[in-house]
């Protein structure tokens, strides 16, 4: 039993009824006697040949397979198709615009079937599925209005109840929203954090410190990622992202520039090298010559 548990923990892809009688990610249904193992595996898994008690992950794209080898698929998941004559038991990815397909192309003739979310069925010639308007997660046509095909709004947009475009952009502070303005956020965009205030009629998300690309609260000590021009010091309790030296546009430390503001190449971690000055001098001379 300990050996079985160890195998499951290491592999991370098994669901073993004898260890856990509740069906897991691989096992859809355990047998009546849990010690007898898994009776039915989920799509994308197969009964392990060396241990009938477990379900093992198929190769990428396989709905059903004989083992986890690439060339053992007997059917494919949506978004994949059975491979070429040379690899009939391999599942290959459809074109990004196609949810189902029988081949790799974007046209009906090259295998595209049902359109993926974010695309609509093109009734004319060319690609079978064309992209929805950026504001629309689903659509039946190319436009931004309900009349021209926009369906469900994409993340970062909300459903507009008035006339005009069906989906309007959320406030910049919102990852998602249910209406206009900074008070209607349903999740915060990068660079903002949830407002802890319980007061009524306040902004949903507040701006992170200027040094933070992402954050979990106010101040320089709450960064979860550094903005451009700052570098990470994750163990600091006061400032997680100090500023790079003035001449650096990117760095990994105070003496470790990785990019320079004047487009010169850092030398020994600094941007004020002779090479940088030489490059700047040549640029100035060239500019003066063009004015003569």
Protein backbone atom coordinates (compact mmCIF):
# COMPACT_ATOMS: atom_id res chain seq x y z
CA UNK A 1 0.00 0.00 0.00
CA UNK A 2 2.81 2.46 0.86
CA UNK A 3 4.44 1.69 -2.49
CA UNK A 4 1.21 2.49 -4.34
CA UNK A 5 0.82 5.80 -2.47
CA UNK A 6 4.43 6.74 -3.21
CA UNK A 7 4.02 6.02 -6.92
CA UNK A 8 0.89 8.17 -7.06
CA UNK A 9 2.56 11.08 -5.27
CA UNK A 10 5.64 10.99 -7.50
CA UNK A 11 3.84 10.62 -10.81
CA UNK A 12 1.07 13.08 -10.03
CA UNK A 13 -1.08 11.60 -12.77
CA UNK A 14 -2.78 8.64 -11.16
CA UNK A 15 -6.08 8.32 -9.36
CA UNK A 16 -6.00 5.13 -7.29
CA UNK A 17 -9.24 3.79 -5.88
CA UNK A 18 -7.48 1.59 -3.34
CA UNK A 19 -5.83 4.67 -1.86
CA UNK A 20 -8.70 7.10 -2.39
CA UNK A 21 -12.19 5.64 -3.00
CA UNK A 22 -13.42 9.04 -4.21
CA UNK A 23 -12.84 9.22 -7.99
CA UNK A 24 -9.97 11.58 -8.69
CA UNK A 25 -8.74 13.40 -11.82
CA UNK A 26 -7.99 10.16 -13.64
CA UNK A 27 -10.59 7.75 -12.29
CA UNK A 28 -14.19 8.41 -13.24
CA UNK A 29 -15.71 5.45 -11.37
CA UNK A 30 -14.23 3.07 -8.82
CA UNK A 31 -15.25 -0.59 -8.65
CA UNK A 32 -17.65 -1.75 -5.94
CA UNK A 33 -14.72 -3.08 -3.97
CA UNK A 34 -12.33 -0.15 -3.92
CA UNK A 35 -9.38 -2.51 -3.52
CA UNK A 36 -10.20 -3.84 -7.02
CA UNK A 37 -9.31 -0.47 -8.49
CA UNK A 38 -10.80 1.84 -11.10
CA UNK A 39 -13.70 0.66 -13.26
CA UNK A 40 -13.77 3.60 -15.68
CA UNK A 41 -11.22 6.31 -16.50
CA UNK A 42 -11.91 9.91 -17.49
CA UNK A 43 -11.31 11.06 -21.06
CA UNK A 44 -7.60 11.50 -21.58
CA UNK A 45 -6.67 8.61 -19.26
CA UNK A 46 -6.27 4.86 -19.69
CA UNK A 47 -6.07 1.88 -17.35
CA UNK A 48 -2.43 1.38 -16.45
CA UNK A 49 -1.18 -1.87 -17.97
CA UNK A 50 1.05 -2.58 -14.98
CA UNK A 51 -1.59 -1.82 -12.36
CA UNK A 52 -5.30 -2.10 -13.18
CA UNK A 53 -6.08 -0.17 -10.01
CA UNK A 54 -4.95 3.13 -11.52
CA UNK A 55 -5.72 5.44 -14.42
CA UNK A 56 -2.70 6.85 -16.23
CA UNK A 57 -2.57 9.97 -18.39
CA UNK A 58 -2.67 9.53 -22.18
CA UNK A 59 -0.45 11.55 -24.50
CA UNK A 60 -1.50 15.18 -25.18
CA UNK A 61 -4.69 15.42 -27.23
CA UNK A 62 -5.83 11.81 -26.76
CA UNK A 63 -9.37 11.14 -25.59
CA UNK A 64 -8.82 7.37 -25.51
CA UNK A 65 -5.53 5.50 -25.76
CA UNK A 66 -3.83 2.18 -25.13
CA UNK A 67 -0.90 3.67 -23.23
CA UNK A 68 0.81 7.02 -22.75
CA UNK A 69 2.91 6.83 -25.92
CA UNK A 70 2.31 9.43 -28.65
CA UNK A 71 1.31 6.82 -31.23
CA UNK A 72 -1.30 5.00 -29.13
CA UNK A 73 -4.38 7.26 -29.44
CA UNK A 74 -7.62 5.64 -30.56
CA UNK A 75 -9.66 8.90 -30.47
CA UNK A 76 -8.90 12.58 -29.92
CA UNK A 77 -10.19 15.34 -27.64
CA UNK A 78 -11.88 18.42 -29.12
CA UNK A 79 -9.20 20.70 -30.51
CA UNK A 80 -7.21 17.77 -31.93
CA UNK A 81 -7.45 15.45 -34.94
CA UNK A 82 -6.10 12.01 -35.83
CA UNK A 83 -2.70 12.45 -37.47
CA UNK A 84 -1.42 11.96 -40.97
CA UNK A 85 -1.32 8.55 -42.68
CA UNK A 86 2.21 8.16 -41.32
CA UNK A 87 0.99 8.79 -37.74
CA UNK A 88 -2.66 7.66 -37.66
CA UNK A 89 -2.62 7.04 -33.90
CA UNK A 90 -1.29 10.46 -32.90
CA UNK A 91 -3.51 13.44 -32.03
CA UNK A 92 -2.38 16.76 -33.48
CA UNK A 93 -3.66 20.24 -32.63
CA UNK A 94 -6.34 21.89 -34.77
CA UNK A 95 -5.89 25.41 -36.07
CA UNK A 96 -6.42 27.90 -33.23
CA UNK A 97 -9.70 29.10 -34.78
CA UNK A 98 -11.23 25.60 -34.86
CA UNK A 99 -12.76 23.79 -31.88
CA UNK A 100 -13.10 20.57 -33.87
CA UNK A 101 -11.31 19.51 -37.03
CA UNK A 102 -10.23 16.65 -39.24
CA UNK A 103 -7.01 18.33 -40.38
CA UNK A 104 -4.58 21.15 -39.57
CA UNK A 105 -5.94 23.97 -41.72
CA UNK A 106 -8.19 26.98 -41.14
CA UNK A 107 -10.50 26.29 -44.10
CA UNK A 108 -13.27 23.74 -44.41
CA UNK A 109 -11.29 22.00 -47.15
CA UNK A 110 -8.28 21.60 -44.86
CA UNK A 111 -10.22 20.23 -41.92
CA UNK A 112 -11.75 23.03 -39.84
CA UNK A 113 -15.11 22.01 -38.32
CA UNK A 114 -16.85 23.87 -35.48
CA UNK A 115 -15.44 27.30 -34.63
CA UNK A 116 -13.63 27.89 -31.33
CA UNK A 117 -14.83 30.50 -28.82
CA UNK A 118 -13.81 33.93 -30.05
CA UNK A 119 -14.50 33.02 -33.68
CA UNK A 120 -17.61 32.89 -35.87
CA UNK A 121 -18.56 30.75 -38.85
CA UNK A 122 -17.61 32.50 -42.07
CA UNK A 123 -20.16 31.72 -44.76
CA UNK A 124 -18.03 33.06 -47.61
CA UNK A 125 -14.81 31.67 -49.07
CA UNK A 126 -11.50 31.57 -47.22
CA UNK A 127 -10.96 30.66 -43.58
CA UNK A 128 -13.99 28.92 -42.09
CA UNK A 129 -13.78 30.73 -38.75
CA UNK A 130 -13.01 34.43 -38.40
CA UNK A 131 -12.14 36.31 -35.20
CA UNK A 132 -14.85 38.08 -33.22
CA UNK A 133 -14.48 41.74 -32.30
CA UNK A 134 -11.96 42.12 -29.46
CA UNK A 135 -14.74 43.04 -27.03
CA UNK A 136 -16.71 39.82 -27.69
CA UNK A 137 -15.90 36.39 -26.23
CA UNK A 138 -18.50 34.75 -28.48
CA UNK A 139 -20.14 36.02 -31.64
CA UNK A 140 -22.03 35.16 -34.80
CA UNK A 141 -20.48 37.95 -36.84
CA UNK A 142 -17.60 40.43 -36.96
CA UNK A 143 -19.16 43.50 -35.35
CA UNK A 144 -19.16 45.03 -31.89
CA UNK A 145 -22.96 45.44 -31.69
CA UNK A 146 -25.58 42.80 -30.99
CA UNK A 147 -26.97 43.38 -34.47
CA UNK A 148 -23.59 42.63 -36.05
CA UNK A 149 -22.95 39.47 -34.08
CA UNK A 150 -21.48 40.23 -30.66
CA UNK A 151 -22.63 37.70 -28.03
CA UNK A 152 -21.02 37.29 -24.59
CA UNK A 153 -18.57 40.00 -23.55
CA UNK A 154 -14.86 39.25 -23.27
CA UNK A 155 -12.99 39.67 -19.99
CA UNK A 156 -12.32 43.35 -19.44
CA UNK A 157 -15.68 44.38 -20.93
CA UNK A 158 -19.21 44.64 -19.56
CA UNK A 159 -22.61 44.21 -21.17
CA UNK A 160 -23.94 47.57 -22.32
CA UNK A 161 -27.70 47.81 -21.87
CA UNK A 162 -28.08 50.93 -24.02
CA UNK A 163 -27.65 51.33 -27.76
CA UNK A 164 -24.30 51.10 -29.56
CA UNK A 165 -21.56 48.57 -28.92
CA UNK A 166 -22.81 45.60 -26.89
CA UNK A 167 -19.68 45.37 -24.75
CA UNK A 168 -17.87 48.37 -23.32
CA UNK A 169 -14.41 48.43 -21.75
CA UNK A 170 -14.11 48.18 -17.98
CA UNK A 171 -12.23 50.83 -16.01
CA UNK A 172 -8.43 50.44 -16.31
CA UNK A 173 -8.23 49.25 -12.69
CA UNK A 174 -10.58 46.29 -13.33
CA UNK A 175 -9.63 42.84 -14.60
CA UNK A 176 -13.36 42.14 -15.02
CA UNK A 177 -16.39 44.25 -14.17
CA UNK A 178 -20.17 44.35 -14.13
CA UNK A 179 -20.55 47.98 -15.15
CA UNK A 180 -18.84 51.29 -15.85
CA UNK A 181 -16.35 53.02 -13.59
CA UNK A 182 -13.83 52.14 -10.89
CA UNK A 183 -16.53 51.06 -8.43
CA UNK A 184 -17.78 48.15 -10.59
CA UNK A 185 -14.69 45.92 -10.66
CA UNK A 186 -15.01 42.16 -10.32
CA UNK A 187 -11.30 41.53 -9.83
CA UNK A 188 -8.35 43.91 -10.11
CA UNK A 189 -6.07 44.43 -13.11
CA UNK A 190 -2.29 44.10 -12.79
CA UNK A 191 -0.97 47.15 -10.99
CA UNK A 192 -3.97 47.35 -8.64
CA UNK A 193 -5.09 45.58 -5.47
CA UNK A 194 -8.54 45.09 -3.86
CA UNK A 195 -9.65 48.05 -1.78
CA UNK A 196 -9.84 46.85 1.86
CA UNK A 197 -12.32 49.59 2.80
CA UNK A 198 -15.84 48.49 3.72
CA UNK A 199 -17.23 51.99 3.14
CA UNK A 200 -19.93 52.48 0.54
CA UNK A 201 -19.32 54.02 -2.87
CA UNK A 202 -15.52 53.60 -2.99
CA UNK A 203 -13.26 52.41 -5.81
CA UNK A 204 -13.02 48.62 -5.99
CA UNK A 205 -9.28 48.54 -6.72
CA UNK A 206 -6.44 50.84 -5.65
CA UNK A 207 -3.17 51.47 -7.49
CA UNK A 208 -0.05 49.59 -6.38
CA UNK A 209 3.13 51.42 -5.44
CA UNK A 210 4.93 52.76 -8.53
CA UNK A 211 7.68 50.13 -8.11
CA UNK A 212 5.22 47.21 -8.30
CA UNK A 213 4.00 45.48 -11.47
CA UNK A 214 1.59 43.51 -9.24
CA UNK A 215 0.91 43.76 -5.53
CA UNK A 216 -1.18 42.46 -2.64
CA UNK A 217 -1.64 45.76 -0.85
CA UNK A 218 -0.39 49.31 -0.40
CA UNK A 219 3.24 50.38 -0.26
CA UNK A 220 6.63 49.27 -1.58
CA UNK A 221 6.70 46.19 0.67
CA UNK A 222 3.59 44.67 -0.95
CA UNK A 223 4.95 44.02 -4.45
CA UNK A 224 4.34 40.62 -6.04
CA UNK A 225 6.37 41.59 -9.10
CA UNK A 226 8.50 44.55 -10.11
CA UNK A 227 7.68 47.28 -12.62
CA UNK A 228 10.07 48.11 -15.46
CA UNK A 229 13.12 49.94 -14.13
CA UNK A 230 13.04 48.18 -10.75
CA UNK A 231 14.60 44.93 -9.51
CA UNK A 232 13.44 42.27 -7.08
CA UNK A 233 14.59 41.93 -3.46
CA UNK A 234 12.00 39.39 -2.23
CA UNK A 235 13.46 39.01 1.27
CA UNK A 236 13.18 42.72 2.09
CA UNK A 237 10.45 43.64 4.56
CA UNK A 238 10.37 47.31 3.53
CA UNK A 239 11.02 47.56 -0.22
CA UNK A 240 10.53 44.56 -2.53
CA UNK A 241 11.50 46.41 -5.73
CA UNK A 242 14.26 49.07 -5.45
CA UNK A 243 14.90 51.32 -8.46
CA UNK A 244 17.59 50.46 -11.00
CA UNK A 245 20.45 52.95 -11.46
CA UNK A 246 19.42 56.06 -13.39
CA UNK A 247 21.21 55.05 -16.59
CA UNK A 248 19.61 51.54 -16.69
CA UNK A 249 16.26 50.71 -18.24
CA UNK A 250 16.41 47.21 -16.70
CA UNK A 251 18.61 45.54 -14.10
CA UNK A 252 18.90 42.70 -11.63
CA UNK A 253 20.71 44.77 -8.98
CA UNK A 254 22.34 48.12 -8.28
CA UNK A 255 25.49 47.08 -10.14
CA UNK A 256 23.85 44.72 -12.63
CA UNK A 257 22.26 46.61 -15.51
CA UNK A 258 20.82 44.37 -18.23
CA UNK A 259 19.66 47.16 -20.57
CA UNK A 260 20.64 50.81 -20.96
CA UNK A 261 18.45 53.85 -21.56
CA UNK A 262 20.79 55.09 -24.32
CA UNK A 263 20.56 51.69 -26.11
CA UNK A 264 24.24 50.98 -25.47
CA UNK A 265 25.36 47.57 -24.23
CA UNK A 266 26.01 47.22 -20.49
CA UNK A 267 29.62 46.44 -19.58
CA UNK A 268 30.44 44.86 -16.25
CA UNK A 269 26.89 45.54 -15.12
CA UNK A 270 27.05 49.28 -15.79
CA UNK A 271 25.79 51.52 -18.58
CA UNK A 272 28.24 54.44 -18.17
CA UNK A 273 31.00 52.49 -19.94
CA UNK A 274 33.38 53.86 -22.55
CA UNK A 275 31.42 51.93 -25.17
CA UNK A 276 28.23 53.71 -24.13
CA UNK A 277 29.87 57.14 -24.24
CA UNK A 278 31.50 56.33 -27.60
CA UNK A 279 28.14 55.28 -29.04
CA UNK A 280 26.51 58.48 -27.76
CA UNK A 281 29.36 60.61 -29.14
CA UNK A 282 29.11 59.06 -32.60
CA UNK A 283 25.34 59.62 -32.57
CA UNK A 284 25.82 63.30 -31.67
CA UNK A 285 28.46 63.82 -34.40
CA UNK A 286 26.22 62.14 -36.98
CA UNK A 287 23.31 64.39 -35.98
CA UNK A 288 25.49 67.52 -36.29
CA UNK A 289 26.75 66.46 -39.73
CA UNK A 290 23.20 66.08 -41.01
CA UNK A 291 22.52 69.70 -40.00
CA UNK A 292 25.48 71.14 -41.94
